[in-house]
C-alpha atoms as a PDB file:
ATOM      1  CA  MET A   1       7.468 -14.502  56.350  1.00  0.00           C
ATOM      2  CA  PHE A   2       9.869 -14.214  59.313  1.00  0.00           C
ATOM      3  CA  ASP A   3      10.611 -18.087  61.159  1.00  0.00           C
ATOM      4  CA  ALA A   4      12.905 -20.479  61.578  1.00  0.00           C
ATOM      5  CA  ALA A   5      13.005 -21.419  57.614  1.00  0.00           C
ATOM      6  CA  LEU A   6      13.567 -17.862  56.817  1.00  0.00           C
ATOM      7  CA  ILE A   7      17.143 -18.168  58.341  1.00  0.00           C
ATOM      8  CA  ASP A   8      17.599 -21.393  56.450  1.00  0.00           C
ATOM      9  CA  SER A   9      16.790 -19.957  52.808  1.00  0.00           C
ATOM     10  CA  ILE A  10      18.748 -16.894  53.293  1.00  0.00           C
ATOM     11  CA  VAL A  11      22.069 -19.196  54.387  1.00  0.00           C
ATOM     12  CA  ARG A  12      21.286 -21.072  50.893  1.00  0.00           C
ATOM     13  CA  ALA A  13      20.559 -18.283  49.051  1.00  0.00           C
ATOM     14  CA  LEU A  14      24.093 -16.381  50.004  1.00  0.00           C
ATOM     15  CA  ILE A  15      26.474 -19.336  49.829  1.00  0.00           C
ATOM     16  CA  PRO A  16      26.777 -19.340  45.976  1.00  0.00           C
ATOM     17  CA  ILE A  17      26.851 -15.452  45.806  1.00  0.00           C
ATOM     18  CA  LEU A  18      29.633 -15.415  48.352  1.00  0.00           C
ATOM     19  CA  PHE A  19      32.039 -17.936  46.598  1.00  0.00           C
ATOM     20  CA  ALA A  20      31.385 -16.026  43.391  1.00  0.00           C
ATOM     21  CA  ALA A  21      32.250 -12.896  45.775  1.00  0.00           C
ATOM     22  CA  LEU A  22      35.594 -14.084  47.400  1.00  0.00           C
ATOM     23  CA  GLY A  23      36.750 -15.015  43.451  1.00  0.00           C
ATOM     24  CA  GLY A  24      35.760 -11.252  42.611  1.00  0.00           C
ATOM     25  CA  LEU A  25      37.732 -10.125  45.570  1.00  0.00           C
ATOM     26  CA  ILE A  26      40.957 -12.069  44.933  1.00  0.00           C
ATOM     27  CA  CYS A  27      41.134 -10.636  41.111  1.00  0.00           C
ATOM     28  CA  ASP A  28      40.239  -7.189  42.344  1.00  0.00           C
ATOM     29  CA  LYS A  29      43.096  -7.291  44.620  1.00  0.00           C
ATOM     30  CA  ALA A  30      45.128  -8.187  42.122  1.00  0.00           C
ATOM     31  CA  GLY A  31      44.100  -5.420  39.766  1.00  0.00           C
ATOM     32  CA  ILE A  32      42.104  -7.276  37.461  1.00  0.00           C
ATOM     33  CA  PHE A  33      38.101  -6.383  37.404  1.00  0.00           C
ATOM     34  CA  ASN A  34      36.175  -9.560  36.819  1.00  0.00           C
ATOM     35  CA  ILE A  35      32.444  -9.589  35.847  1.00  0.00           C
ATOM     36  CA  ALA A  36      32.567 -12.853  34.180  1.00  0.00           C
ATOM     37  CA  LEU A  37      31.803 -14.191  37.511  1.00  0.00           C
ATOM     38  CA  GLU A  38      27.426 -15.108  36.169  1.00  0.00           C
ATOM     39  CA  GLY A  39      29.778 -17.090  32.920  1.00  0.00           C
ATOM     40  CA  GLN A  40      31.920 -19.047  35.440  1.00  0.00           C
ATOM     41  CA  LEU A  41      28.992 -19.603  38.076  1.00  0.00           C
ATOM     42  CA  LEU A  42      27.294 -21.102  35.336  1.00  0.00           C
ATOM     43  CA  ILE A  43      29.893 -23.577  33.853  1.00  0.00           C
ATOM     44  CA  GLY A  44      30.582 -24.749  37.066  1.00  0.00           C
ATOM     45  CA  CYS A  45      26.683 -25.716  37.599  1.00  0.00           C
ATOM     46  CA  PHE A  46      26.735 -27.751  34.145  1.00  0.00           C
ATOM     47  CA  PHE A  47      30.202 -29.466  34.911  1.00  0.00           C
ATOM     48  CA  ALA A  48      28.895 -30.233  38.481  1.00  0.00           C
ATOM     49  CA  VAL A  49      25.852 -31.755  37.383  1.00  0.00           C
ATOM     50  CA  ALA A  50      27.646 -33.252  34.588  1.00  0.00           C
ATOM     51  CA  THR A  51      30.528 -34.946  36.315  1.00  0.00           C
ATOM     52  CA  SER A  52      27.490 -36.461  38.969  1.00  0.00           C
ATOM     53  CA  TYR A  53      25.631 -37.533  36.847  1.00  0.00           C
ATOM     54  CA  TYR A  54      28.747 -39.513  35.010  1.00  0.00           C
ATOM     55  CA  THR A  55      30.616 -40.583  37.818  1.00  0.00           C
ATOM     56  CA  GLY A  56      27.525 -41.299  40.410  1.00  0.00           C
ATOM     57  CA  SER A  57      29.852 -39.071  43.188  1.00  0.00           C
ATOM     58  CA  ALA A  58      28.584 -35.127  44.184  1.00  0.00           C
ATOM     59  CA  LEU A  59      32.337 -34.921  45.362  1.00  0.00           C
ATOM     60  CA  LEU A  60      33.660 -35.884  42.257  1.00  0.00           C
ATOM     61  CA  GLY A  61      30.920 -33.637  40.371  1.00  0.00           C
ATOM     62  CA  ALA A  62      31.938 -30.611  42.468  1.00  0.00           C
ATOM     63  CA  LEU A  63      35.621 -30.762  41.351  1.00  0.00           C
ATOM     64  CA  GLY A  64      34.554 -31.364  38.002  1.00  0.00           C
ATOM     65  CA  GLY A  65      32.810 -28.192  38.085  1.00  0.00           C
ATOM     66  CA  MET A  66      35.278 -26.672  40.205  1.00  0.00           C
ATOM     67  CA  PHE A  67      38.158 -27.673  37.590  1.00  0.00           C
ATOM     68  CA  ALA A  68      35.771 -26.675  34.395  1.00  0.00           C
ATOM     69  CA  ALA A  69      35.102 -22.919  35.632  1.00  0.00           C
ATOM     70  CA  GLY A  70      38.875 -22.274  36.601  1.00  0.00           C
ATOM     71  CA  ILE A  71      40.264 -23.426  33.028  1.00  0.00           C
ATOM     72  CA  PHE A  72      36.904 -21.309  31.487  1.00  0.00           C
ATOM     73  CA  THR A  73      38.379 -18.514  33.141  1.00  0.00           C
ATOM     74  CA  LEU A  74      42.140 -19.120  31.330  1.00  0.00           C
ATOM     75  CA  ILE A  75      40.198 -16.819  28.835  1.00  0.00           C
ATOM     76  CA  LEU A  76      39.971 -13.745  31.015  1.00  0.00           C
ATOM     77  CA  ALA A  77      43.633 -14.448  32.156  1.00  0.00           C
ATOM     78  CA  TYR A  78      45.409 -14.663  28.827  1.00  0.00           C
ATOM     79  CA  GLY A  79      43.561 -11.831  27.252  1.00  0.00           C
ATOM     80  CA  SER A  80      43.853  -9.504  30.152  1.00  0.00           C
ATOM     81  CA  VAL A  81      47.018 -10.228  31.251  1.00  0.00           C
ATOM     82  CA  ASN A  82      49.015 -11.425  27.628  1.00  0.00           C
ATOM     83  CA  ARG A  83      47.165  -9.323  25.331  1.00  0.00           C
ATOM     84  CA  GLY A  84      45.812  -6.232  27.452  1.00  0.00           C
ATOM     85  CA  ALA A  85      42.845  -6.531  26.585  1.00  0.00           C
ATOM     86  CA  GLU A  86      40.079  -4.838  28.809  1.00  0.00           C
ATOM     87  CA  PRO A  87      38.862  -6.988  31.132  1.00  0.00           C
ATOM     88  CA  ILE A  88      35.413  -5.790  31.099  1.00  0.00           C
ATOM     89  CA  VAL A  89      34.705  -6.756  27.159  1.00  0.00           C
ATOM     90  CA  ILE A  90      36.490 -10.283  27.676  1.00  0.00           C
ATOM     91  CA  GLY A  91      34.171 -10.397  31.191  1.00  0.00           C
ATOM     92  CA  VAL A  92      30.504  -9.404  29.175  1.00  0.00           C
ATOM     93  CA  ALA A  93      31.748 -11.725  26.226  1.00  0.00           C
ATOM     94  CA  MET A  94      32.284 -14.873  28.795  1.00  0.00           C
ATOM     95  CA  ASN A  95      29.248 -14.647  29.763  1.00  0.00           C
ATOM     96  CA  ILE A  96      27.739 -14.939  26.415  1.00  0.00           C
ATOM     97  CA  LEU A  97      30.009 -17.702  25.940  1.00  0.00           C
ATOM     98  CA  ALA A  98      29.119 -19.516  28.625  1.00  0.00           C
ATOM     99  CA  THR A  99      25.175 -19.063  28.285  1.00  0.00           C
ATOM    100  CA  GLY A 100      25.893 -20.944  24.639  1.00  0.00           C
ATOM    101  CA  VAL A 101      28.342 -23.511  25.198  1.00  0.00           C
ATOM    102  CA  THR A 102      26.358 -24.560  28.109  1.00  0.00           C
ATOM    103  CA  SER A 103      22.788 -24.755  26.183  1.00  0.00           C
ATOM    104  CA  PHE A 104      24.813 -26.378  23.465  1.00  0.00           C
ATOM    105  CA  LEU A 105      26.370 -28.888  25.183  1.00  0.00           C
ATOM    106  CA  LEU A 106      22.990 -29.532  27.310  1.00  0.00           C
ATOM    107  CA  VAL A 107      21.346 -30.756  23.727  1.00  0.00           C
ATOM    108  CA  GLY A 108      24.805 -32.215  22.950  1.00  0.00           C
ATOM    109  CA  LEU A 109      25.191 -34.541  25.805  1.00  0.00           C
ATOM    110  CA  PHE A 110      21.740 -34.688  27.754  1.00  0.00           C
ATOM    111  CA  HIS A 111      19.607 -34.796  24.976  1.00  0.00           C
ATOM    112  CA  THR A 112      17.382 -31.985  26.566  1.00  0.00           C
ATOM    113  CA  SER A 113      16.575 -28.061  26.508  1.00  0.00           C
ATOM    114  CA  GLY A 114      15.207 -26.319  29.253  1.00  0.00           C
ATOM    115  CA  THR A 115      16.048 -28.122  32.546  1.00  0.00           C
ATOM    116  CA  PHE A 116      18.519 -31.751  32.928  1.00  0.00           C
ATOM    117  CA  VAL A 117      16.845 -33.833  36.134  1.00  0.00           C
ATOM    118  CA  ASP A 118      17.409 -37.422  36.606  1.00  0.00           C
ATOM    119  CA  PRO A 119      18.015 -39.902  39.255  1.00  0.00           C
ATOM    120  CA  GLN A 120      21.228 -40.640  38.398  1.00  0.00           C
ATOM    121  CA  ILE A 121      22.780 -36.756  39.359  1.00  0.00           C
ATOM    122  CA  VAL A 122      23.840 -36.889  42.971  1.00  0.00           C
ATOM    123  CA  GLY A 123      23.427 -34.025  44.924  1.00  0.00           C
ATOM    124  CA  LEU A 124      25.315 -33.106  47.903  1.00  0.00           C
ATOM    125  CA  LYS A 125      25.045 -34.538  51.411  1.00  0.00           C
ATOM    126  CA  THR A 126      24.233 -32.157  54.466  1.00  0.00           C
ATOM    127  CA  TYR A 127      26.033 -33.069  57.536  1.00  0.00           C
ATOM    128  CA  SER A 128      24.999 -31.668  61.175  1.00  0.00           C
ATOM    129  CA  ILE A 129      27.123 -30.542  64.007  1.00  0.00           C
ATOM    130  CA  PRO A 130      25.818 -32.196  66.898  1.00  0.00           C
ATOM    131  CA  LEU A 131      24.376 -29.863  69.761  1.00  0.00           C
ATOM    132  CA  LEU A 132      24.849 -26.466  67.247  1.00  0.00           C
ATOM    133  CA  SER A 133      22.462 -27.334  64.645  1.00  0.00           C
ATOM    134  CA  ASP A 134      19.667 -27.561  67.709  1.00  0.00           C
ATOM    135  CA  ILE A 135      20.136 -24.315  68.493  1.00  0.00           C
ATOM    136  CA  PRO A 136      16.648 -22.436  67.796  1.00  0.00           C
ATOM    137  CA  TRP A 137      16.309 -20.395  64.747  1.00  0.00           C
ATOM    138  CA  ILE A 138      19.757 -20.476  63.683  1.00  0.00           C
ATOM    139  CA  GLY A 139      21.166 -23.942  64.036  1.00  0.00           C
ATOM    140  CA  LYS A 140      19.562 -25.482  61.060  1.00  0.00           C
ATOM    141  CA  ALA A 141      20.906 -22.743  59.065  1.00  0.00           C
ATOM    142  CA  LEU A 142      24.452 -22.568  60.083  1.00  0.00           C
ATOM    143  CA  PHE A 143      25.445 -25.821  61.732  1.00  0.00           C
ATOM    144  CA  SER A 144      23.641 -28.428  58.867  1.00  0.00           C
ATOM    145  CA  GLN A 145      25.162 -27.687  55.648  1.00  0.00           C
ATOM    146  CA  THR A 146      26.967 -29.444  52.619  1.00  0.00           C
ATOM    147  CA  VAL A 147      30.781 -29.495  52.915  1.00  0.00           C
ATOM    148  CA  LEU A 148      30.661 -26.563  50.362  1.00  0.00           C
ATOM    149  CA  GLY A 149      28.753 -24.582  52.285  1.00  0.00           C
ATOM    150  CA  TYR A 150      31.390 -25.035  55.642  1.00  0.00           C
ATOM    151  CA  LEU A 151      33.382 -23.973  53.358  1.00  0.00           C
ATOM    152  CA  ALA A 152      32.508 -20.937  52.024  1.00  0.00           C
ATOM    153  CA  PHE A 153      32.491 -19.638  55.453  1.00  0.00           C
ATOM    154  CA  VAL A 154      35.605 -20.304  56.131  1.00  0.00           C
ATOM    155  CA  LEU A 155      37.012 -19.036  53.251  1.00  0.00           C
ATOM    156  CA  VAL A 156      36.032 -15.843  54.114  1.00  0.00           C
ATOM    157  CA  PHE A 157      38.211 -15.840  57.492  1.00  0.00           C
ATOM    158  CA  VAL A 158      40.941 -17.490  55.438  1.00  0.00           C
ATOM    159  CA  ALA A 159      41.018 -14.971  52.605  1.00  0.00           C
ATOM    160  CA  TRP A 160      41.019 -12.012  55.254  1.00  0.00           C
ATOM    161  CA  ILE A 161      44.034 -13.680  56.914  1.00  0.00           C
ATOM    162  CA  VAL A 162      45.838 -13.974  54.081  1.00  0.00           C
ATOM    163  CA  ILE A 163      44.889 -11.034  52.616  1.00  0.00           C
ATOM    164  CA  PHE A 164      45.745  -8.852  55.373  1.00  0.00           C
ATOM    165  CA  ARG A 165      48.069 -10.984  57.423  1.00  0.00           C
ATOM    166  CA  THR A 166      50.426 -12.533  55.100  1.00  0.00           C
ATOM    167  CA  PRO A 167      53.741 -11.242  52.598  1.00  0.00           C
ATOM    168  CA  LEU A 168      51.522 -13.342  50.070  1.00  0.00           C
ATOM    169  CA  GLY A 169      48.411 -11.027  50.481  1.00  0.00           C
ATOM    170  CA  LEU A 170      50.749  -7.947  50.810  1.00  0.00           C
ATOM    171  CA  ARG A 171      52.464  -8.954  47.174  1.00  0.00           C
ATOM    172  CA  LEU A 172      48.875  -9.689  45.798  1.00  0.00           C
ATOM    173  CA  ARG A 173      47.701  -5.907  46.680  1.00  0.00           C
ATOM    174  CA  GLY A 174      51.052  -4.390  45.384  1.00  0.00           C
ATOM    175  CA  VAL A 175      50.729  -6.383  42.351  1.00  0.00           C
ATOM    176  CA  GLY A 176      47.311  -4.531  42.291  1.00  0.00           C
ATOM    177  CA  GLU A 177      47.868  -1.075  43.329  1.00  0.00           C
ATOM    178  CA  LYS A 178      51.781  -0.318  41.818  1.00  0.00           C
ATOM    179  CA  PRO A 179      52.783  -3.261  39.844  1.00  0.00           C
ATOM    180  CA  LEU A 180      55.882  -1.518  38.535  1.00  0.00           C
ATOM    181  CA  ALA A 181      56.516  -0.998  42.451  1.00  0.00           C
ATOM    182  CA  ALA A 182      55.925  -4.125  42.952  1.00  0.00           C
ATOM    183  CA  GLN A 183      58.285  -5.978  39.879  1.00  0.00           C
ATOM    184  CA  THR A 184      61.235  -3.579  41.161  1.00  0.00           C
ATOM    185  CA  LEU A 185      61.100  -5.632  44.362  1.00  0.00           C
ATOM    186  CA  GLY A 186      60.895  -8.909  42.559  1.00  0.00           C
ATOM    187  CA  VAL A 187      57.511  -9.933  42.044  1.00  0.00           C
ATOM    188  CA  ASN A 188      56.368 -11.235  39.162  1.00  0.00           C
ATOM    189  CA  PRO A 189      52.547  -9.005  38.773  1.00  0.00           C
ATOM    190  CA  VAL A 190      51.814 -11.466  35.561  1.00  0.00           C
ATOM    191  CA  SER A 191      52.387 -15.003  38.174  1.00  0.00           C
ATOM    192  CA  TYR A 192      50.470 -12.832  41.163  1.00  0.00           C
ATOM    193  CA  LYS A 193      47.240 -11.611  38.483  1.00  0.00           C
ATOM    194  CA  TYR A 194      47.059 -15.657  36.467  1.00  0.00           C
ATOM    195  CA  ALA A 195      46.767 -16.795  40.319  1.00  0.00           C
ATOM    196  CA  ALA A 196      43.992 -14.510  41.016  1.00  0.00           C
ATOM    197  CA  VAL A 197      42.463 -15.283  38.130  1.00  0.00           C
ATOM    198  CA  ILE A 198      42.377 -18.936  38.369  1.00  0.00           C
ATOM    199  CA  ILE A 199      41.335 -19.002  41.777  1.00  0.00           C
ATOM    200  CA  SER A 200      38.413 -16.755  40.882  1.00  0.00           C
ATOM    201  CA  GLY A 201      37.513 -19.678  38.236  1.00  0.00           C
ATOM    202  CA  LEU A 202      38.025 -21.966  40.596  1.00  0.00           C
ATOM    203  CA  LEU A 203      35.373 -20.203  43.543  1.00  0.00           C
ATOM    204  CA  CYS A 204      32.977 -19.751  41.135  1.00  0.00           C
ATOM    205  CA  GLY A 205      33.123 -23.189  40.358  1.00  0.00           C
ATOM    206  CA  LEU A 206      32.933 -24.585  43.922  1.00  0.00           C
ATOM    207  CA  GLY A 207      29.663 -21.726  44.136  1.00  0.00           C
ATOM    208  CA  GLY A 208      28.052 -23.044  40.860  1.00  0.00           C
ATOM    209  CA  ALA A 209      28.541 -26.988  42.198  1.00  0.00           C
ATOM    210  CA  GLN A 210      26.525 -25.570  45.424  1.00  0.00           C
ATOM    211  CA  LEU A 211      23.816 -23.879  43.732  1.00  0.00           C
ATOM    212  CA  ALA A 212      23.248 -26.840  41.188  1.00  0.00           C
ATOM    213  CA  LEU A 213      23.680 -29.888  43.631  1.00  0.00           C
ATOM    214  CA  GLY A 214      23.346 -28.196  47.077  1.00  0.00           C
ATOM    215  CA  ASN A 215      20.526 -26.009  46.813  1.00  0.00           C
ATOM    216  CA  VAL A 216      18.562 -28.059  44.342  1.00  0.00           C
ATOM    217  CA  VAL A 217      19.659 -31.450  42.035  1.00  0.00           C
ATOM    218  CA  GLN A 218      19.849 -30.164  38.219  1.00  0.00           C
ATOM    219  CA  PHE A 219      20.755 -28.050  35.572  1.00  0.00           C
ATOM    220  CA  SER A 220      18.647 -25.338  34.067  1.00  0.00           C
ATOM    221  CA  GLU A 221      19.787 -23.366  31.222  1.00  0.00           C
ATOM    222  CA  GLU A 222      20.765 -19.788  32.613  1.00  0.00           C
ATOM    223  CA  MET A 223      20.318 -20.681  35.938  1.00  0.00           C
ATOM    224  CA  SER A 224      23.137 -18.888  37.729  1.00  0.00           C
ATOM    225  CA  ALA A 225      20.204 -16.471  36.739  1.00  0.00           C
ATOM    226  CA  GLY A 226      22.258 -13.022  37.893  1.00  0.00           C
ATOM    227  CA  ARG A 227      23.748 -14.224  40.762  1.00  0.00           C
ATOM    228  CA  GLY A 228      27.101 -13.505  39.305  1.00  0.00           C
ATOM    229  CA  TRP A 229      26.174 -10.107  38.901  1.00  0.00           C
ATOM    230  CA  ILE A 230      25.103  -9.536  42.219  1.00  0.00           C
ATOM    231  CA  ALA A 231      28.412 -10.755  43.271  1.00  0.00           C
ATOM    232  CA  VAL A 232      30.458  -7.957  41.552  1.00  0.00           C
ATOM    233  CA  VAL A 233      28.017  -5.937  42.997  1.00  0.00           C
ATOM    234  CA  ALA A 234      28.960  -7.348  46.565  1.00  0.00           C
ATOM    235  CA  VAL A 235      32.903  -6.937  45.779  1.00  0.00           C
ATOM    236  CA  MET A 236      32.006  -2.849  45.041  1.00  0.00           C
ATOM    237  CA  LEU A 237      29.805  -2.620  48.395  1.00  0.00           C
ATOM    238  CA  ALA A 238      32.275  -4.156  49.893  1.00  0.00           C
ATOM    239  CA  ARG A 239      34.879  -2.184  48.917  1.00  0.00           C
ATOM    240  CA  SER A 240      36.409  -5.658  48.107  1.00  0.00           C
ATOM    241  CA  HIS A 241      37.048  -6.606  52.046  1.00  0.00           C
ATOM    242  CA  PRO A 242      36.395 -10.574  52.661  1.00  0.00           C
ATOM    243  CA  ILE A 243      34.392  -9.621  55.956  1.00  0.00           C
ATOM    244  CA  GLY A 244      32.199  -7.210  53.997  1.00  0.00           C
ATOM    245  CA  VAL A 245      31.690  -9.191  51.330  1.00  0.00           C
ATOM    246  CA  LEU A 246      29.958 -11.764  53.431  1.00  0.00           C
ATOM    247  CA  GLY A 247      27.751  -8.889  54.949  1.00  0.00           C
ATOM    248  CA  ALA A 248      26.859  -8.178  51.140  1.00  0.00           C
ATOM    249  CA  ALA A 249      25.840 -11.614  50.382  1.00  0.00           C
ATOM    250  CA  ALA A 250      24.153 -12.339  53.130  1.00  0.00           C
ATOM    251  CA  LEU A 251      22.645  -8.723  52.214  1.00  0.00           C
ATOM    252  CA  PHE A 252      21.629 -10.192  48.579  1.00  0.00           C
ATOM    253  CA  GLY A 253      20.455 -14.026  49.937  1.00  0.00           C
ATOM    254  CA  THR A 254      18.206 -12.391  52.573  1.00  0.00           C
ATOM    255  CA  ALA A 255      16.352 -10.404  49.230  1.00  0.00           C
ATOM    256  CA  GLU A 256      16.333 -13.774  47.342  1.00  0.00           C
ATOM    257  CA  ALA A 257      15.034 -15.571  50.606  1.00  0.00           C
ATOM    258  CA  LEU A 258      12.046 -13.011  51.002  1.00  0.00           C
ATOM    259  CA  GLY A 259      11.332 -12.982  47.078  1.00  0.00           C
ATOM    260  CA  PHE A 260      10.216 -16.844  47.460  1.00  0.00           C
ATOM    261  CA  ARG A 261       8.426 -16.220  50.526  1.00  0.00           C
ATOM    262  CA  ALA A 262       6.791 -13.859  49.571  1.00  0.00           C
ATOM    263  CA  GLN A 263       5.243 -15.732  46.324  1.00  0.00           C
ATOM    264  CA  GLY A 264       3.556 -17.999  49.049  1.00  0.00           C
ATOM    265  CA  ILE A 265       1.299 -15.191  50.286  1.00  0.00           C
ATOM    266  CA  GLY A 266       0.191 -14.464  46.736  1.00  0.00           C
ATOM    267  CA  ILE A 267       2.264 -11.475  45.280  1.00  0.00           C
ATOM    268  CA  PRO A 268       3.472 -11.605  42.130  1.00  0.00           C
ATOM    269  CA  THR A 269       6.453 -13.690  40.893  1.00  0.00           C
ATOM    270  CA  GLN A 270       7.283 -10.671  38.818  1.00  0.00           C
ATOM    271  CA  VAL A 271       7.594  -8.689  41.490  1.00  0.00           C
ATOM    272  CA  THR A 272       9.701 -10.947  43.882  1.00  0.00           C
ATOM    273  CA  ASP A 273      11.989 -12.248  41.612  1.00  0.00           C
ATOM    274  CA  ALA A 274      13.041  -9.070  41.036  1.00  0.00           C
ATOM    275  CA  ALA A 275      13.811  -7.940  44.757  1.00  0.00           C
ATOM    276  CA  PRO A 276      17.449  -9.190  44.835  1.00  0.00           C
ATOM    277  CA  TYR A 277      18.016  -6.911  41.309  1.00  0.00           C
ATOM    278  CA  VAL A 278      16.226  -4.361  43.221  1.00  0.00           C
ATOM    279  CA  VAL A 279      18.589  -4.026  46.651  1.00  0.00           C
ATOM    280  CA  THR A 280      21.522  -4.833  43.878  1.00  0.00           C
ATOM    281  CA  LEU A 281      20.875  -1.382  41.866  1.00  0.00           C
ATOM    282  CA  LEU A 282      20.211   0.696  45.282  1.00  0.00           C
ATOM    283  CA  ALA A 283      23.444  -1.357  46.554  1.00  0.00           C
ATOM    284  CA  LEU A 284      25.421  -0.292  43.350  1.00  0.00           C
ATOM    285  CA  LEU A 285      23.533   3.595  43.269  1.00  0.00           C
ATOM    286  CA  LEU A 286      24.633   4.204  47.343  1.00  0.00           C
ATOM    287  CA  THR A 287      28.347   2.455  46.100  1.00  0.00           C
ATOM    288  CA  THR A 288      28.241   5.180  43.545  1.00  0.00           C
ATOM    289  CA  VAL A 289      27.491   7.868  46.020  1.00  0.00           C
ATOM    290  CA  ASN A 290      29.828   7.534  48.681  1.00  0.00           C
ATOM    291  CA  PHE A 291      32.924   6.897  45.678  1.00  0.00           C
ATOM    292  CA  VAL A 292      31.688  10.296  44.390  1.00  0.00           C
ATOM    293  CA  LYS A 293      31.607  11.702  48.140  1.00  0.00           C
ATOM    294  CA  LYS A 294      34.753  10.512  48.979  1.00  0.00           C
ATOM    295  CA  LYS A 295      36.598  11.895  45.662  1.00  0.00           C
ATOM    296  CA  LYS A 296      34.960  15.224  46.591  1.00  0.00           C
ATOM    297  CA  GLU A 297      36.407  15.397  50.147  1.00  0.00           C
ATOM    298  CA  GLU A 298      39.868  13.823  49.182  1.00  0.00           C
ATOM    299  CA  THR A 299      39.625  16.673  46.197  1.00  0.00           C
ATOM    300  CA  LYS A 300      39.209  19.633  48.854  1.00  0.00           C
ATOM    301  CA  ARG A 301      41.668  18.469  51.278  1.00  0.00           C
ATOM    302  CA  GLU A 302      44.447  18.644  48.273  1.00  0.00           C
ATOM    303  CA  PRO A 303      47.096  21.707  48.068  1.00  0.00           C
ATOM    304  CA  ILE A 304      46.029  24.426  45.876  1.00  0.00           C
ATOM    305  CA  ASP A 305      49.333  25.136  43.789  1.00  0.00           C
ATOM    306  CA  ALA A 306      50.543  29.069  44.577  1.00  0.00           C
END
């Protein structure tokens, strides 16, 4: 059950979740709760595969998935920012729309349903860092990755620096927490919210590209398989902190990898497939309990009016 190959599986499983969770984190900082991560991931998967198939380039495939998810997420930006609609309602609708659109295009473009596999689909290559990739246990897992794999880990620290150590991040947090106060200081909340939502889509597109061209080289209907929902919980569990998001993604990646490994020793697939979602529910329960406990402590500390 536990060996170097398991660590490699964990890292590959967590990368798509990490991309999506970083996107959800940025939206959350801007004051928009984005639960459309599942649909954005799925759109990224499909268009990454489609672009790779038609162009013969994995890099263009990743860019295609990224930009398609970015355009798709404009639905959330326009609906929540310009029209004042509830982001949760829009997010649910987008997730349903993504499932329908990708299934429809799968038949329309490739004349198949279920799974699309073709030799013309070019997958992402892995690049090993000399010496580091030879480190026992963790070398191959951490230092023999696709370009997107390395980028995901770099973006965690970039996000931390930008959000907490730059004026841009301060304005972003101000827009999310006190939009009227930010506006009085010359910050345009609409621009920041739009930018946050679009960046979220771009990151989900990269996560979808990694899933469809890095982890596997194919597209299957609903292949995001709940990873977007897991990313939403990761943001909540980490309290919208980039380092915490990395830890949460690693937790869920571990559950997914252990689930696949457990299938090899005869545990029913129904049980192993449920493992990541059981961990997600437990994490969500823990987050809710901690939130309620914190609120009660804050209530006790509030002064009582005479």
